[in-house]
Amino acid sequence: HYTPAGWEAVVPRLFRQVVVERMVRVISVLQRLKIPEWAGRVPPGFRMAPITQRLLASPIDHVDRVVDEISGGWHSTADFLTHGFGYCLIKEQDGAARAENVCWCTAEYVSSRRLGIGIETRAEYQRCGLATLTAAAFAEQCQARGLTAYWDAFASNVPSLAVATKVGFQRAAEYAVFLARPR
């Protein structure tokens, strides 16, 4: 992210050895939970689970991806469990002892009254409304704790922004960033 706008012409010249791409991000703020009855919409065979030490230590398939998500924004899992929170949508396996994690939503960048949101749905479960349910569970907890929740996504990530809107987030700002990758 850069400011003021004069950097827009300077950054590509500074990083000639890499490909620099300007992209726009959108910040949305939770206004009012639009799906207060989310729990009744969880499909049969699925359950919403708060992220706990027990959940993270369980033999649920793909729970390691939640640990990876937490590691990206927290000093440690213990720090997350003490100061953060989140939810996983778990699919119970028919006739099997194992279950699988299909979607997760975690607190990121938490301060005393504000937080960012990290959310991911495994590819084979996208476009089924599961991210909306998981984000609604998370948003409900934000409101219960008196926290202002921020959803930050690339403007090109239309599915993510659609989930945010369905849950009750409203666009608050846009800002430009530069992304660099090797030539």
Protein backbone atom coordinates (compact mmCIF):
# COMPACT_ATOMS: atom_id res chain seq x y z
CA HIS A 1 0.00 0.00 0.00
CA TYR A 2 1.27 3.46 -0.76
CA THR A 3 0.41 7.04 -0.13
CA PRO A 4 0.43 9.70 -1.55
CA ALA A 5 -0.64 9.02 -5.14
CA GLY A 6 2.72 10.31 -6.44
CA TRP A 7 4.22 6.90 -5.62
CA GLU A 8 2.12 5.32 -8.36
CA ALA A 9 4.63 6.40 -11.02
CA VAL A 10 7.69 5.80 -8.83
CA VAL A 11 7.12 2.24 -7.59
CA PRO A 12 7.36 0.52 -11.02
CA ARG A 13 10.66 2.35 -11.68
CA LEU A 14 12.05 1.28 -8.29
CA PHE A 15 11.28 -2.38 -8.93
CA ARG A 16 12.33 -2.86 -12.55
CA GLN A 17 13.71 -6.36 -11.82
CA VAL A 18 10.20 -7.65 -11.03
CA VAL A 19 6.76 -7.44 -12.59
CA VAL A 20 4.74 -4.88 -10.63
CA GLU A 21 0.96 -4.97 -10.79
CA ARG A 22 -1.38 -2.38 -9.31
CA MET A 23 -4.49 -3.87 -7.72
CA VAL A 24 -7.38 -2.47 -5.73
CA ARG A 25 -8.53 -3.80 -2.36
CA VAL A 26 -11.91 -3.21 -0.74
CA ILE A 27 -12.48 -2.84 2.99
CA SER A 28 -15.95 -3.61 4.28
CA VAL A 29 -17.20 -3.16 7.85
CA LEU A 30 -19.77 -5.32 9.62
CA GLN A 31 -22.86 -3.20 10.13
CA ARG A 32 -25.60 -5.64 11.10
CA LEU A 33 -25.71 -9.42 10.84
CA LYS A 34 -28.14 -10.16 8.01
CA ILE A 35 -28.36 -13.89 8.77
CA PRO A 36 -29.08 -14.19 12.49
CA GLU A 37 -30.67 -17.59 11.86
CA TRP A 38 -27.51 -19.02 10.25
CA ALA A 39 -27.40 -22.04 12.63
CA GLY A 40 -30.70 -23.34 11.26
CA ARG A 41 -29.26 -23.25 7.74
CA VAL A 42 -26.28 -25.54 8.41
CA PRO A 43 -26.89 -28.52 6.09
CA PRO A 44 -27.46 -32.01 7.49
CA GLY A 45 -24.16 -33.81 8.02
CA PHE A 46 -22.31 -30.57 8.81
CA ARG A 47 -21.61 -28.82 12.11
CA MET A 48 -20.20 -25.42 13.01
CA ALA A 49 -17.36 -25.74 15.53
CA PRO A 50 -15.48 -23.02 17.40
CA ILE A 51 -11.72 -23.23 16.92
CA THR A 52 -10.30 -24.67 20.14
CA GLN A 53 -7.13 -26.52 21.09
CA ARG A 54 -9.16 -29.73 21.09
CA LEU A 55 -10.40 -29.09 17.54
CA LEU A 56 -6.90 -28.25 16.28
CA ALA A 57 -5.51 -31.45 17.85
CA SER A 58 -8.31 -33.65 16.51
CA PRO A 59 -7.93 -36.06 13.58
CA ILE A 60 -10.22 -33.97 11.36
CA ASP A 61 -8.98 -33.90 7.77
CA HIS A 62 -7.66 -30.49 6.63
CA VAL A 63 -7.58 -28.99 10.13
CA ASP A 64 -3.88 -28.37 9.44
CA ARG A 65 -4.96 -25.66 6.99
CA VAL A 66 -6.55 -23.76 9.88
CA VAL A 67 -3.24 -23.97 11.74
CA ASP A 68 -1.54 -22.56 8.62
CA GLU A 69 -4.08 -19.71 8.50
CA ILE A 70 -3.48 -18.92 12.17
CA SER A 71 0.30 -19.01 11.67
CA GLY A 72 0.00 -16.32 8.99
CA GLY A 73 -1.38 -13.72 11.38
CA TRP A 74 -0.44 -14.74 14.92
CA HIS A 75 2.80 -15.31 16.83
CA SER A 76 1.58 -18.75 17.86
CA THR A 77 -1.48 -20.95 18.01
CA ALA A 78 -1.53 -20.41 21.77
CA ASP A 79 -1.65 -16.63 21.21
CA PHE A 80 -4.60 -17.10 18.83
CA LEU A 81 -6.45 -19.32 21.29
CA THR A 82 -5.92 -16.75 24.05
CA HIS A 83 -6.73 -13.54 22.13
CA GLY A 84 -8.54 -14.63 18.97
CA PHE A 85 -11.34 -16.89 17.88
CA GLY A 86 -12.80 -18.52 14.82
CA TYR A 87 -15.07 -21.19 13.43
CA CYS A 88 -14.77 -24.24 11.23
CA LEU A 89 -17.53 -25.90 9.28
CA ILE A 90 -17.00 -29.63 9.67
CA LYS A 91 -18.49 -32.29 7.40
CA GLU A 92 -19.06 -35.59 9.09
CA GLN A 93 -18.03 -38.53 6.88
CA ASP A 94 -20.82 -41.00 6.18
CA GLY A 95 -20.07 -44.27 7.93
CA ALA A 96 -16.50 -43.21 8.73
CA ALA A 97 -14.88 -42.24 11.99
CA ARG A 98 -13.19 -39.24 10.38
CA ALA A 99 -14.58 -35.84 9.54
CA GLU A 100 -13.29 -33.09 7.27
CA ASN A 101 -12.90 -29.35 7.65
CA VAL A 102 -14.48 -27.64 4.64
CA CYS A 103 -14.47 -23.93 5.61
CA TRP A 104 -12.88 -21.77 8.31
CA CYS A 105 -13.08 -18.16 9.43
CA THR A 106 -10.52 -16.70 11.83
CA ALA A 107 -9.78 -13.47 13.64
CA GLU A 108 -6.73 -11.67 12.28
CA TYR A 109 -4.97 -8.52 13.41
CA VAL A 110 -7.00 -8.15 16.61
CA SER A 111 -6.84 -4.97 18.69
CA SER A 112 -8.93 -4.06 21.71
CA ARG A 113 -12.12 -3.34 19.69
CA ARG A 114 -11.32 -4.24 16.06
CA LEU A 115 -10.26 -7.21 14.00
CA GLY A 116 -9.71 -8.41 10.49
CA ILE A 117 -11.16 -11.60 9.06
CA GLY A 118 -9.46 -14.52 7.38
CA ILE A 119 -11.77 -16.95 5.58
CA GLU A 120 -11.26 -19.87 3.24
CA THR A 121 -13.41 -22.58 1.74
CA ARG A 122 -11.88 -25.66 0.15
CA ALA A 123 -12.36 -25.53 -3.62
CA GLU A 124 -14.70 -28.51 -3.88
CA TYR A 125 -17.12 -26.86 -1.41
CA GLN A 126 -17.20 -23.37 -2.92
CA ARG A 127 -20.40 -21.87 -4.33
CA CYS A 128 -22.57 -23.82 -1.86
CA GLY A 129 -23.22 -21.04 0.66
CA LEU A 130 -20.92 -22.60 3.27
CA ALA A 131 -18.61 -19.57 3.53
CA THR A 132 -21.65 -17.39 4.16
CA LEU A 133 -22.74 -19.61 7.07
CA THR A 134 -19.23 -19.74 8.54
CA ALA A 135 -18.77 -15.98 8.21
CA ALA A 136 -22.20 -15.43 9.81
CA ALA A 137 -21.21 -17.54 12.84
CA PHE A 138 -18.01 -15.49 13.09
CA ALA A 139 -19.84 -12.17 12.67
CA GLU A 140 -22.32 -13.11 15.36
CA GLN A 141 -19.42 -13.69 17.76
CA CYS A 142 -17.90 -10.33 16.79
CA GLN A 143 -21.13 -8.58 17.65
CA ALA A 144 -21.47 -10.51 20.94
CA ARG A 145 -17.96 -9.34 21.89
CA GLY A 146 -18.58 -5.76 20.83
CA LEU A 147 -15.89 -5.91 18.13
CA THR A 148 -15.82 -4.00 14.85
CA ALA A 149 -15.03 -6.53 12.12
CA TYR A 150 -13.28 -5.61 8.86
CA TRP A 151 -13.38 -7.67 5.65
CA ASP A 152 -10.44 -6.84 3.35
CA ALA A 153 -10.39 -8.39 -0.12
CA PHE A 154 -9.16 -7.71 -3.62
CA ALA A 155 -11.81 -5.91 -5.69
CA SER A 156 -11.42 -8.69 -8.25
CA ASN A 157 -12.42 -11.32 -5.67
CA VAL A 158 -16.13 -11.02 -6.43
CA PRO A 159 -17.15 -14.21 -4.53
CA SER A 160 -15.47 -12.99 -1.33
CA LEU A 161 -17.11 -9.58 -1.55
CA ALA A 162 -20.48 -11.23 -2.23
CA VAL A 163 -20.16 -13.32 0.95
CA ALA A 164 -19.29 -10.20 2.94
CA THR A 165 -22.37 -8.39 1.62
CA LYS A 166 -24.69 -11.35 2.30
CA VAL A 167 -23.47 -11.52 5.90
CA GLY A 168 -23.94 -7.80 6.58
CA PHE A 169 -20.69 -6.04 5.71
CA GLN A 170 -20.82 -2.73 3.85
CA ARG A 171 -18.08 -1.21 1.69
CA ALA A 172 -16.19 1.41 3.63
CA ALA A 173 -13.11 2.16 1.52
CA GLU A 174 -10.94 1.14 -1.39
CA TYR A 175 -7.19 1.39 -1.63
CA ALA A 176 -4.54 0.47 -4.16
CA VAL A 177 -1.60 -1.84 -3.60
CA PHE A 178 1.30 -2.97 -5.74
CA LEU A 179 2.08 -6.67 -6.02
CA ALA A 180 5.47 -7.74 -7.27
CA ARG A 181 6.56 -11.07 -8.72
CA PRO A 182 9.78 -12.20 -10.39
CA ARG A 183 10.05 -11.81 -14.15
